[in-house]
Amino acid sequence: MGGREYGGCLHIGESEYYQTLFPAAITDATSGFIASQIHEGLTSLNSLTLRPVPAVAESFSIDPSGLQYTFKLRKGVFFQDDSCFEGGKGRELKAADVKYSFELLCTASADNKNFSTTLKDRVVGANATYEASLKNQKKAVSGIQLIDDYSLTISLKSPSTVFLQILAEPACAIIPHEAVERYGNKMAVGCGPFRLGPSQSKDKNVLLLRNNNYFGKDSLGNSLPFLDSVSIAYLPSKENEFTKFSKGELDMVFSIPSNSVKQFVEQQIADFEGKSPKFMLDNSAEMTTQYYAFNLQKPPFNNPLVRKAFNLAIDRQKIIDEILNGQAFGPGVKGITPPVYLKDGYDISLLHGYDFDPVQARKLLAEAGYKEGKNFPKVNVELNAGGGKNTDVVIELQKQLKENLGISIDFDIVSFEKKFDDDVMGRNSIMRDAWVADYASPETFLNLFYGRTVPSDSLLPSFPNTSRYVSENFDRYFSAGRDAKTRDSSNANFFRAEQQLLDDAVVIVLWYEGNYRITRSYVKNSFTNAMRYRNFTEVYLQRYPENVSVQP
């Protein structure tokens, strides 16, 4: 109906393999992207506007106080077929599954990495449930109340401008207890538009297959999804990914260096023009920031003078021009929050950040007791490959810190798993990192530095605050922004918190991401947005090539 076609396989590439599809354990962007195709939450995001819309929930309402949310679930939503269910057929999702999923997210375990960024300090009783689980005790979340099989209420401690957006995160997906009991953290059974195909080793593609029992329909009444499958190839570099696209082996390519885009467009300009172009080009600012974070409990970075010296010694524009080949929205000379939030009244240009000033940098380092870099302790950086970009950047940082401060740093390329574990356990003194917004608010970036998530015991893991930054001022302003009733009040408090973060020089903000994407014109309903939020539920291939169709 409406000229939309069924069938075909969408081919895309990723530079790193996914780490997990278990919702509570997801911390990397690739895992989040794949999990979002398999799992579904009470809400999801509109790919164009990034506003929350009903998903598993048919509707939701908020009482006048802003504290009680009522959700009415759709009837006829089924979990994907799997042998964990009786007879191998997926059963219907009920309100009890919502309660189970959220109480699991409020239970302490080695796999639960997302409690502090989702339900902690928000949902009534969530903290008490988590504290009880630390003592191996079970306690229901008092703020989640079932009305009947298809409706429930969730009570918040304070109003929130982003709670419905948080519920759209992969971490808040609704999952069946049967799959968790059968597979544990290897569980990949959801109620989303696609299901995980046959297991593959890490040097092969991941295949997502159409969930024929998916509940969704588009605005024209078509059953979703349209695609038979999505094939995700893991490629060692962006150059390799772009080469495969150029050869016709991929249907779209993301995050392309601007010089490669320019060359490709110039060589094939006719394919971008005319009534029937072969390619579509998008370029947009993103809700993504690349940065290095200091561990404030590790010398010498427990000294703010050292942290400020490092910030001032980095020429960020040079990194963008010479290392990234212009593939960035702009240098990170302001806050951790990217400038894309300006349209929502959050203007980071008014923040006092750090620009390149090697003279002042050397002065501060001397005040810290390391004149010309003498006697500065050995610093080692761990980084994941990231398609080669992370390595190129750290080599440039090596050069700049040596030239501007007389300091030598070393680095090791490790797996994402090892880097993440070392970061959260506080083994690294300086950490390469990046953050892609979980939802459209400065809160998702500032939450990374909320001090009340830092354990008092330095031997315990700290996530997402791997810097182990604790500031009374920051926490007060952050809490006020998080719990504000209006966006204006929220922004004002977040702004104060972010300025405190900058004054304390907790991170080196390097650049804000901008993204080029080239898509083959037969790929329809695939939208670009600032969050890199990709939802293939309504994507279809118009007159798709028969030779790339993969049947479920």
Protein backbone atom coordinates (compact mmCIF):
# COMPACT_ATOMS: atom_id res chain seq x y z
CA MET A 1 0.00 0.00 0.00
CA GLY A 2 1.28 3.47 -0.85
CA GLY A 3 4.01 2.13 -3.14
CA ARG A 4 5.99 0.69 -0.25
CA GLU A 5 7.69 -2.58 -1.06
CA TYR A 6 8.42 -5.66 1.00
CA GLY A 7 11.60 -7.70 0.87
CA GLY A 8 15.31 -7.29 0.38
CA CYS A 9 18.35 -7.00 2.59
CA LEU A 10 19.75 -3.66 3.72
CA HIS A 11 23.57 -3.78 3.83
CA ILE A 12 25.43 -1.47 6.22
CA GLY A 13 28.82 -1.37 7.95
CA GLU A 14 30.10 -0.83 11.50
CA SER A 15 33.69 -0.28 12.64
CA GLU A 16 33.34 -2.30 15.86
CA TYR A 17 31.52 -5.48 16.82
CA TYR A 18 28.66 -5.26 19.30
CA GLN A 19 29.48 -6.08 22.93
CA THR A 20 26.11 -7.28 24.25
CA LEU A 21 22.40 -7.27 23.44
CA PHE A 22 21.34 -7.64 27.07
CA PRO A 23 19.59 -4.29 27.71
CA ALA A 24 20.92 -3.50 31.20
CA ALA A 25 24.52 -4.17 30.09
CA ILE A 26 24.64 -1.97 26.97
CA THR A 27 27.24 0.80 27.09
CA ASP A 28 28.44 1.15 23.48
CA ALA A 29 26.74 2.69 20.47
CA THR A 30 26.91 -0.37 18.22
CA SER A 31 25.25 -2.61 20.81
CA GLY A 32 22.59 0.03 21.39
CA PHE A 33 21.87 0.34 17.68
CA ILE A 34 21.45 -3.43 17.14
CA ALA A 35 19.50 -3.94 20.36
CA SER A 36 17.08 -1.18 19.28
CA GLN A 37 16.10 -3.28 16.26
CA ILE A 38 15.53 -6.43 18.37
CA HIS A 39 13.98 -4.99 21.52
CA GLU A 40 11.15 -2.52 22.11
CA GLY A 41 10.31 -0.27 25.05
CA LEU A 42 7.17 1.44 26.30
CA THR A 43 8.15 4.33 24.05
CA SER A 44 10.40 4.85 21.04
CA LEU A 45 11.68 7.96 19.29
CA ASN A 46 10.45 9.55 16.11
CA SER A 47 13.48 9.34 13.78
CA LEU A 48 12.86 12.82 12.39
CA THR A 49 11.92 14.82 15.49
CA LEU A 50 13.49 12.61 18.22
CA ARG A 51 10.31 13.08 20.23
CA PRO A 52 8.99 10.12 22.24
CA VAL A 53 6.08 8.23 20.73
CA PRO A 54 4.12 5.19 21.97
CA ALA A 55 5.69 1.79 21.22
CA VAL A 56 4.72 -1.21 23.35
CA ALA A 57 2.51 1.29 25.14
CA GLU A 58 -0.51 2.21 23.03
CA SER A 59 -0.84 5.48 24.97
CA PHE A 60 0.49 7.31 28.00
CA SER A 61 -0.73 10.15 30.20
CA ILE A 62 0.84 12.29 32.93
CA ASP A 63 -1.05 13.64 35.93
CA PRO A 64 -1.03 17.41 36.68
CA SER A 65 1.76 17.05 39.26
CA GLY A 66 4.06 15.56 36.62
CA LEU A 67 4.80 12.68 38.99
CA GLN A 68 2.51 9.85 37.90
CA TYR A 69 2.64 8.29 34.44
CA THR A 70 -0.10 5.91 33.31
CA PHE A 71 0.63 3.53 30.43
CA LYS A 72 -1.92 1.49 28.50
CA LEU A 73 -0.29 -1.38 26.64
CA ARG A 74 -1.19 -2.62 23.19
CA LYS A 75 -2.96 -5.94 23.01
CA GLY A 76 -1.45 -8.50 20.67
CA VAL A 77 2.23 -7.63 21.24
CA PHE A 78 4.19 -10.89 21.20
CA PHE A 79 7.77 -11.70 22.09
CA GLN A 80 9.72 -13.23 19.22
CA ASP A 81 9.46 -16.99 18.75
CA ASP A 82 12.12 -18.84 20.74
CA SER A 83 12.64 -22.21 22.38
CA CYS A 84 12.63 -20.54 25.81
CA PHE A 85 8.83 -20.37 25.48
CA GLU A 86 6.50 -23.34 25.68
CA GLY A 87 6.11 -24.79 22.21
CA GLY A 88 8.72 -22.34 20.85
CA LYS A 89 6.09 -19.69 20.14
CA GLY A 90 6.50 -16.23 21.60
CA ARG A 91 3.87 -15.33 24.18
CA GLU A 92 1.93 -12.10 24.56
CA LEU A 93 3.58 -9.24 26.43
CA LYS A 94 1.72 -8.10 29.57
CA ALA A 95 2.11 -5.34 32.15
CA ALA A 96 3.85 -7.82 34.47
CA ASP A 97 6.69 -7.99 31.91
CA VAL A 98 7.17 -4.24 32.21
CA LYS A 99 7.40 -4.53 35.99
CA TYR A 100 9.81 -7.47 35.70
CA SER A 101 12.07 -5.66 33.22
CA PHE A 102 12.28 -2.49 35.29
CA GLU A 103 12.85 -4.34 38.56
CA LEU A 104 15.67 -6.25 36.84
CA LEU A 105 17.11 -2.86 35.87
CA CYS A 106 16.93 -1.93 39.56
CA THR A 107 18.86 -5.03 40.64
CA ALA A 108 22.60 -4.87 41.30
CA SER A 109 24.66 -7.24 39.14
CA ALA A 110 27.85 -7.29 37.11
CA ASP A 111 25.68 -6.98 33.99
CA ASN A 112 23.70 -3.96 35.15
CA LYS A 113 25.49 -0.87 33.84
CA ASN A 114 22.45 1.36 33.31
CA PHE A 115 20.55 1.72 36.58
CA SER A 116 22.24 5.02 37.43
CA THR A 117 21.41 6.59 34.05
CA THR A 118 17.79 5.45 33.87
CA LEU A 119 15.65 4.77 36.97
CA LYS A 120 17.97 5.71 39.85
CA ASP A 121 16.78 8.80 41.77
CA ARG A 122 13.76 9.02 39.43
CA VAL A 123 11.26 6.24 40.07
CA VAL A 124 9.80 5.96 43.56
CA GLY A 125 11.29 2.92 45.29
CA ALA A 126 13.94 2.23 42.63
CA ASN A 127 16.84 3.08 44.95
CA ALA A 128 15.42 0.95 47.77
CA THR A 129 15.10 -2.03 45.42
CA TYR A 130 18.69 -1.62 44.31
CA GLU A 131 19.98 -1.30 47.89
CA ALA A 132 18.07 -4.43 48.90
CA SER A 133 19.59 -6.37 46.00
CA LEU A 134 23.08 -5.50 47.27
CA LYS A 135 22.13 -7.54 50.36
CA ASN A 136 20.74 -10.39 48.20
CA GLN A 137 17.21 -9.38 49.13
CA LYS A 138 14.28 -8.97 46.75
CA LYS A 139 12.15 -5.87 47.04
CA ALA A 140 9.50 -4.69 44.59
CA VAL A 141 9.78 -1.19 43.15
CA SER A 142 6.98 0.57 45.03
CA GLY A 143 6.55 3.21 42.34
CA ILE A 144 5.49 0.67 39.71
CA GLN A 145 1.91 -0.47 40.15
CA LEU A 146 -0.03 -2.83 37.88
CA ILE A 147 -3.65 -1.90 37.19
CA ASP A 148 -4.49 -4.91 35.03
CA ASP A 149 -2.79 -7.03 32.35
CA TYR A 150 -2.58 -4.10 29.96
CA SER A 151 -2.06 -1.02 32.11
CA LEU A 152 0.22 0.26 34.86
CA THR A 153 1.40 3.42 36.59
CA ILE A 154 4.94 4.62 37.27
CA SER A 155 5.45 7.24 39.99
CA LEU A 156 8.43 9.60 39.95
CA LYS A 157 10.16 11.26 42.88
CA SER A 158 10.40 14.56 40.99
CA PRO A 159 9.09 15.88 37.67
CA SER A 160 11.19 15.06 34.62
CA THR A 161 11.32 16.64 31.18
CA VAL A 162 13.01 13.54 29.69
CA PHE A 163 11.47 10.47 31.36
CA LEU A 164 9.54 9.38 28.25
CA GLN A 165 12.76 9.71 26.25
CA ILE A 166 14.66 7.61 28.79
CA LEU A 167 12.05 4.87 28.43
CA ALA A 168 12.95 4.69 24.72
CA GLU A 169 16.57 3.73 25.52
CA PRO A 170 17.63 0.14 24.80
CA ALA A 171 18.34 -0.28 28.54
CA CYS A 172 14.60 0.15 29.23
CA ALA A 173 13.46 -2.49 26.74
CA ILE A 174 10.72 -4.87 27.85
CA ILE A 175 12.09 -8.42 27.99
CA PRO A 176 10.66 -11.84 28.94
CA HIS A 177 11.75 -13.59 32.12
CA GLU A 178 11.85 -16.94 30.29
CA ALA A 179 14.68 -15.72 28.03
CA VAL A 180 16.66 -14.26 30.94
CA GLU A 181 16.27 -17.50 32.91
CA ARG A 182 17.35 -19.59 29.91
CA TYR A 183 20.16 -17.44 28.45
CA GLY A 184 21.21 -14.98 31.15
CA ASN A 185 23.19 -12.05 29.73
CA LYS A 186 23.32 -13.76 26.32
CA MET A 187 19.60 -13.12 26.00
CA ALA A 188 18.55 -11.58 22.67
CA VAL A 189 14.80 -12.20 22.64
CA GLY A 190 12.62 -9.11 22.35
CA CYS A 191 9.45 -7.90 20.69
CA GLY A 192 11.08 -5.55 18.17
CA PRO A 193 10.82 -5.55 14.35
CA PHE A 194 13.86 -7.80 13.81
CA ARG A 195 15.31 -10.89 15.44
CA LEU A 196 18.91 -11.96 15.68
CA GLY A 197 19.92 -14.30 12.89
CA PRO A 198 22.25 -17.32 13.16
CA SER A 199 25.18 -16.66 15.51
CA GLN A 200 28.34 -15.44 13.83
CA SER A 201 31.96 -15.11 14.86
CA LYS A 202 33.33 -11.61 15.21
CA ASP A 203 34.96 -11.65 11.76
CA LYS A 204 31.62 -12.17 10.00
CA ASN A 205 28.47 -10.21 9.41
CA VAL A 206 25.60 -9.97 11.87
CA LEU A 207 22.26 -10.70 10.28
CA LEU A 208 18.96 -9.35 11.59
CA LEU A 209 15.89 -11.15 10.24
CA ARG A 210 12.32 -9.91 9.91
CA ASN A 211 10.11 -10.61 12.93
CA ASN A 212 6.97 -11.86 11.21
CA ASN A 213 4.96 -11.42 14.42
CA TYR A 214 5.84 -7.75 14.95
CA PHE A 215 2.85 -5.69 16.07
CA GLY A 216 3.67 -2.45 14.26
CA LYS A 217 1.88 -0.89 11.31
CA ASP A 218 2.74 2.28 9.41
CA SER A 219 0.39 5.22 8.87
CA LEU A 220 -1.04 3.53 5.76
CA GLY A 221 -1.86 0.31 7.61
CA ASN A 222 1.05 -1.70 6.21
CA SER A 223 2.42 -4.40 8.53
CA LEU A 224 6.00 -3.72 9.57
CA PRO A 225 8.87 -4.15 8.96
CA PHE A 226 9.26 -4.08 5.18
CA LEU A 227 12.78 -5.48 4.99
CA ASP A 228 13.50 -9.20 5.03
CA SER A 229 16.81 -8.57 6.76
CA VAL A 230 19.61 -6.20 7.72
CA SER A 231 23.20 -7.34 7.18
CA ILE A 232 25.84 -5.58 9.29
CA ALA A 233 29.46 -5.98 8.14
CA TYR A 234 32.30 -5.25 10.55
CA LEU A 235 35.03 -3.36 8.74
CA PRO A 236 38.48 -2.35 10.04
CA SER A 237 38.38 1.28 8.91
CA LYS A 238 36.15 3.98 7.50
CA GLU A 239 38.21 3.90 4.32
CA ASN A 240 37.42 0.19 3.92
CA GLU A 241 33.73 0.87 4.54
CA PHE A 242 33.66 3.64 1.95
CA THR A 243 35.46 1.43 -0.58
CA LYS A 244 32.81 -1.28 -0.16
CA PHE A 245 30.09 1.33 -0.63
CA SER A 246 31.77 2.59 -3.79
CA LYS A 247 31.79 -0.99 -5.11
CA GLY A 248 28.07 -1.35 -4.46
CA GLU A 249 28.46 -3.74 -1.51
CA LEU A 250 26.79 -1.41 1.02
CA ASP A 251 23.57 0.59 0.77
CA MET A 252 24.61 3.47 2.99
CA VAL A 253 27.72 4.75 4.70
CA PHE A 254 28.05 6.98 7.77
CA SER A 255 30.72 9.31 9.20
CA ILE A 256 32.73 9.81 6.03
CA PRO A 257 35.76 12.16 6.01
CA SER A 258 34.80 15.34 4.21
CA ASN A 259 37.68 15.05 1.72
CA SER A 260 36.45 11.57 0.71
CA VAL A 261 32.93 12.95 0.27
CA LYS A 262 34.21 15.81 -1.87
CA GLN A 263 36.21 13.48 -4.09
CA PHE A 264 33.37 10.97 -4.46
CA VAL A 265 30.81 13.67 -5.30
CA GLU A 266 33.11 15.34 -7.83
CA GLN A 267 33.83 12.03 -9.55
CA GLN A 268 30.18 11.01 -9.73
CA ILE A 269 28.40 14.36 -9.73
CA ALA A 270 25.84 13.16 -12.29
CA ASP A 271 24.71 10.44 -9.88
CA PHE A 272 23.71 13.10 -7.31
CA GLU A 273 21.80 15.29 -9.75
CA GLY A 274 18.85 15.05 -12.09
CA LYS A 275 15.36 13.68 -11.66
CA SER A 276 16.55 10.21 -10.67
CA PRO A 277 19.75 10.57 -8.62
CA LYS A 278 21.53 7.37 -7.56
CA PHE A 279 22.78 8.79 -4.26
CA MET A 280 21.50 11.06 -1.49
CA LEU A 281 23.96 13.10 0.62
CA ASP A 282 23.19 14.32 4.16
CA ASN A 283 25.38 16.44 6.42
CA SER A 284 24.35 17.40 9.95
CA ALA A 285 25.62 18.37 13.39
CA GLU A 286 25.24 15.61 15.95
CA MET A 287 24.58 15.12 19.65
CA THR A 288 28.02 13.54 19.99
CA THR A 289 31.17 14.76 21.72
CA GLN A 290 34.68 13.30 21.55
CA TYR A 291 36.82 13.87 24.63
CA TYR A 292 39.48 12.61 27.01
CA ALA A 293 38.57 12.31 30.69
CA PHE A 294 40.88 12.46 33.70
CA ASN A 295 40.70 10.11 36.66
CA LEU A 296 40.66 12.65 39.49
CA GLN A 297 41.77 10.04 42.03
CA LYS A 298 45.02 9.29 40.15
CA PRO A 299 48.11 11.54 40.41
CA PRO A 300 49.06 13.75 38.67
CA PHE A 301 45.53 14.44 37.45
CA ASN A 302 44.22 14.98 40.95
CA ASN A 303 45.85 18.40 40.53
CA PRO A 304 43.56 20.87 38.69
CA LEU A 305 46.56 22.87 37.47
CA VAL A 306 47.79 19.83 35.52
CA ARG A 307 44.35 19.24 34.05
CA LYS A 308 44.05 22.86 32.94
CA ALA A 309 47.56 22.78 31.45
CA PHE A 310 46.64 19.75 29.34
CA ASN A 311 43.47 21.48 28.17
CA LEU A 312 45.30 24.61 27.07
CA ALA A 313 48.12 22.67 25.36
CA ILE A 314 45.84 21.04 22.75
CA ASP A 315 45.28 22.64 19.35
CA ARG A 316 41.87 21.18 18.57
CA GLN A 317 41.44 22.95 15.24
CA LYS A 318 44.68 21.37 14.00
CA ILE A 319 43.32 17.94 14.92
CA ILE A 320 40.16 18.62 12.91
CA ASP A 321 42.00 20.02 9.90
CA GLU A 322 44.96 17.66 9.67
CA ILE A 323 43.88 14.44 11.36
CA LEU A 324 40.11 14.31 10.83
CA ASN A 325 40.26 15.94 7.39
CA GLY A 326 37.49 18.30 8.41
CA GLN A 327 35.15 15.56 9.64
CA ALA A 328 33.76 17.43 12.66
CA PHE A 329 31.20 20.09 13.43
CA GLY A 330 33.70 22.18 15.38
CA PRO A 331 36.49 22.21 18.00
CA GLY A 332 35.57 21.44 21.62
CA VAL A 333 36.56 24.79 23.10
CA LYS A 334 33.38 25.11 25.17
CA GLY A 335 31.52 22.44 27.15
CA ILE A 336 30.95 18.70 27.02
CA THR A 337 27.45 19.35 25.63
CA PRO A 338 27.50 19.76 21.83
CA PRO A 339 26.17 23.01 20.25
CA VAL A 340 23.22 21.25 18.59
CA TYR A 341 21.11 22.04 21.70
CA LEU A 342 21.11 25.76 20.86
CA LYS A 343 17.70 25.37 19.18
CA ASP A 344 16.36 24.24 22.58
CA GLY A 345 17.69 27.33 24.34
CA TYR A 346 20.98 25.83 25.60
CA ASP A 347 23.78 28.04 24.28
CA ILE A 348 27.22 26.58 25.03
CA SER A 349 28.92 29.57 23.37
CA LEU A 350 28.32 31.42 26.66
CA LEU A 351 30.36 28.86 28.61
CA HIS A 352 33.99 29.60 29.48
CA GLY A 353 36.01 26.68 28.14
CA TYR A 354 39.56 26.11 26.92
CA ASP A 355 41.15 27.19 23.67
CA PHE A 356 44.74 26.70 22.52
CA ASP A 357 47.15 28.71 24.71
CA PRO A 358 50.52 26.92 25.06
CA VAL A 359 52.13 29.82 26.95
CA GLN A 360 49.52 29.71 29.72
CA ALA A 361 49.64 25.91 29.64
CA ARG A 362 53.39 25.88 30.37
CA LYS A 363 52.91 28.42 33.14
CA LEU A 364 50.26 26.29 34.87
CA LEU A 365 52.33 23.13 34.54
CA ALA A 366 55.29 24.90 36.16
CA GLU A 367 53.03 26.05 39.01
CA ALA A 368 52.04 22.42 39.47
CA GLY A 369 55.73 21.52 39.96
CA TYR A 370 56.53 20.13 36.50
CA LYS A 371 58.39 22.96 34.75
CA GLU A 372 59.06 22.03 31.12
CA GLY A 373 57.62 18.61 31.87
CA LYS A 374 60.47 17.57 34.16
CA ASN A 375 59.68 14.74 36.62
CA PHE A 376 56.22 14.31 35.15
CA PRO A 377 55.13 10.72 35.81
CA LYS A 378 54.58 8.21 33.03
CA VAL A 379 51.14 8.46 31.47
CA ASN A 380 49.62 5.64 29.43
CA VAL A 381 46.38 5.85 27.47
CA GLU A 382 44.24 2.87 26.53
CA LEU A 383 42.01 3.21 23.50
CA ASN A 384 39.83 1.05 21.31
CA ALA A 385 40.62 1.17 17.60
CA GLY A 386 37.45 2.98 16.47
CA GLY A 387 38.16 2.41 12.79
CA GLY A 388 41.68 3.86 13.11
CA LYS A 389 40.59 7.40 13.97
CA ASN A 390 41.31 7.04 17.69
CA THR A 391 44.89 5.97 16.96
CA ASP A 392 45.54 8.88 14.59
CA VAL A 393 44.23 11.35 17.16
CA VAL A 394 46.26 10.01 20.10
CA ILE A 395 49.45 10.17 17.99
CA GLU A 396 48.74 13.84 17.31
CA LEU A 397 48.08 14.41 21.03
CA GLN A 398 51.45 12.80 21.77
CA LYS A 399 53.15 15.28 19.46
CA GLN A 400 51.32 18.33 20.81
CA LEU A 401 51.88 17.48 24.51
CA LYS A 402 55.57 16.84 23.83
CA GLU A 403 55.98 20.05 21.88
CA ASN A 404 53.90 22.31 24.12
CA LEU A 405 54.52 20.85 27.59
CA GLY A 406 57.58 18.61 27.26
CA ILE A 407 55.46 15.62 28.37
CA SER A 408 55.58 12.15 26.85
CA ILE A 409 52.56 9.88 26.82
CA ASP A 410 52.28 6.27 25.64
CA PHE A 411 49.22 4.41 24.42
CA ASP A 412 47.94 0.87 23.96
CA ILE A 413 45.21 -0.29 21.61
CA VAL A 414 42.98 -2.75 23.46
CA SER A 415 39.57 -4.32 23.04
CA PHE A 416 36.52 -2.31 23.98
CA GLU A 417 35.84 -4.80 26.78
CA LYS A 418 39.27 -4.32 28.39
CA LYS A 419 39.20 -0.54 28.03
CA PHE A 420 35.73 -0.32 29.56
CA ASP A 421 36.66 -2.57 32.47
CA ASP A 422 39.87 -0.64 33.20
CA ASP A 423 38.05 2.69 33.00
CA VAL A 424 35.24 1.76 35.40
CA MET A 425 37.66 0.09 37.84
CA GLY A 426 39.79 3.26 37.94
CA ARG A 427 42.96 1.67 36.54
CA ASN A 428 43.50 4.35 33.89
CA SER A 429 44.61 7.88 34.76
CA ILE A 430 43.39 9.39 31.48
CA MET A 431 40.68 7.92 29.28
CA ARG A 432 39.76 8.33 25.63
CA ASP A 433 36.00 8.52 25.39
CA ALA A 434 33.01 9.77 23.43
CA TRP A 435 29.35 10.12 24.20
CA VAL A 436 26.38 9.88 21.87
CA ALA A 437 23.25 11.33 23.45
CA ASP A 438 20.78 8.84 24.87
CA TYR A 439 18.08 11.51 24.63
CA ALA A 440 17.76 15.09 23.44
CA SER A 441 18.86 16.95 26.58
CA PRO A 442 22.15 18.27 28.07
CA GLU A 443 21.34 15.97 30.98
CA THR A 444 22.59 12.90 29.10
CA PHE A 445 26.09 14.42 28.91
CA LEU A 446 26.23 15.95 32.39
CA ASN A 447 24.98 12.76 34.01
CA LEU A 448 28.41 11.28 33.20
CA PHE A 449 29.87 13.40 36.02
CA TYR A 450 27.18 13.15 38.69
CA GLY A 451 29.13 12.60 41.91
CA ARG A 452 26.44 10.65 43.74
CA THR A 453 27.09 7.63 41.52
CA VAL A 454 30.75 7.43 42.63
CA PRO A 455 31.39 4.72 45.26
CA SER A 456 33.20 5.72 48.45
CA ASP A 457 35.48 2.72 48.04
CA SER A 458 38.02 3.44 45.27
CA LEU A 459 38.32 -0.31 44.57
CA LEU A 460 34.69 -0.54 43.45
CA PRO A 461 33.58 0.16 39.86
CA SER A 462 32.34 3.63 38.95
CA PHE A 463 30.09 4.07 35.92
CA PRO A 464 29.14 6.28 34.16
CA ASN A 465 31.29 8.67 36.24
CA THR A 466 34.62 7.04 35.36
CA SER A 467 36.40 10.31 36.24
CA ARG A 468 35.22 9.80 39.84
CA TYR A 469 34.50 13.51 39.92
CA VAL A 470 32.68 14.69 43.04
CA SER A 471 31.64 18.34 43.39
CA GLU A 472 28.95 19.60 45.73
CA ASN A 473 28.20 22.55 43.43
CA PHE A 474 27.97 20.41 40.30
CA ASP A 475 25.71 17.83 41.96
CA ARG A 476 23.40 20.50 43.37
CA TYR A 477 22.94 22.23 40.00
CA PHE A 478 22.67 18.94 38.12
CA SER A 479 19.98 17.61 40.46
CA ALA A 480 18.02 20.86 40.17
CA GLY A 481 18.19 20.67 36.36
CA ARG A 482 17.20 17.01 36.28
CA ASP A 483 14.19 17.57 38.54
CA ALA A 484 13.01 20.87 37.05
CA LYS A 485 9.42 21.19 35.80
CA THR A 486 10.27 23.35 32.78
CA ARG A 487 12.94 23.23 30.12
CA ASP A 488 14.05 26.81 30.85
CA SER A 489 14.65 26.04 34.52
CA SER A 490 16.34 22.79 33.59
CA ASN A 491 18.66 24.49 31.10
CA ALA A 492 19.62 27.25 33.57
CA ASN A 493 20.71 24.73 36.20
CA PHE A 494 22.45 22.45 33.73
CA PHE A 495 24.38 25.47 32.45
CA ARG A 496 25.67 26.23 35.97
CA ALA A 497 26.64 22.59 36.45
CA GLU A 498 28.50 22.50 33.15
CA GLN A 499 30.44 25.68 33.94
CA GLN A 500 31.52 24.09 37.24
CA LEU A 501 32.69 21.04 35.32
CA LEU A 502 34.78 23.27 33.05
CA ASP A 503 36.19 25.29 35.93
CA ASP A 504 37.39 22.03 37.46
CA ALA A 505 38.86 20.90 34.09
CA VAL A 506 37.59 17.35 34.45
CA VAL A 507 37.78 16.57 30.72
CA ILE A 508 39.57 17.63 27.55
CA VAL A 509 36.74 18.25 25.09
CA LEU A 510 38.28 17.64 21.66
CA TRP A 511 35.55 18.12 19.06
CA TYR A 512 31.83 18.01 18.40
CA GLU A 513 30.78 15.55 15.74
CA GLY A 514 29.31 16.36 12.38
CA ASN A 515 28.28 13.53 10.11
CA TYR A 516 28.21 12.97 6.37
CA ARG A 517 26.00 10.13 5.17
CA ILE A 518 25.59 8.87 1.63
CA THR A 519 22.62 6.62 0.90
CA ARG A 520 21.62 4.86 -2.30
CA SER A 521 18.43 6.47 -3.56
CA TYR A 522 16.43 3.22 -3.55
CA VAL A 523 16.66 3.19 0.28
CA LYS A 524 13.46 4.87 1.48
CA ASN A 525 12.30 6.12 4.90
CA SER A 526 15.80 6.19 6.36
CA PHE A 527 16.21 9.50 8.17
CA THR A 528 19.22 11.36 9.51
CA ASN A 529 19.06 12.85 12.99
CA ALA A 530 21.46 14.38 15.48
CA MET A 531 21.42 11.38 17.85
CA ARG A 532 22.50 8.76 15.29
CA TYR A 533 19.21 7.11 16.21
CA ARG A 534 18.61 4.52 13.51
CA ASN A 535 15.31 2.71 13.35
CA PHE A 536 14.83 0.45 10.33
CA THR A 537 11.23 -0.50 11.13
CA GLU A 538 9.76 1.48 8.22
CA VAL A 539 12.75 1.43 5.85
CA TYR A 540 12.07 -0.20 2.50
CA LEU A 541 14.00 -0.76 -0.72
CA GLN A 542 12.25 0.52 -3.82
CA ARG A 543 12.81 -1.95 -6.67
CA TYR A 544 15.44 -3.67 -4.55
CA PRO A 545 17.96 -5.90 -6.38
CA GLU A 546 16.87 -9.55 -6.23
CA ASN A 547 20.45 -10.74 -5.69
CA VAL A 548 20.69 -9.09 -2.27
CA SER A 549 17.39 -10.38 -0.89
CA VAL A 550 17.82 -12.63 2.13
CA GLN A 551 14.70 -14.51 3.18
CA PRO A 552 14.04 -15.06 6.90
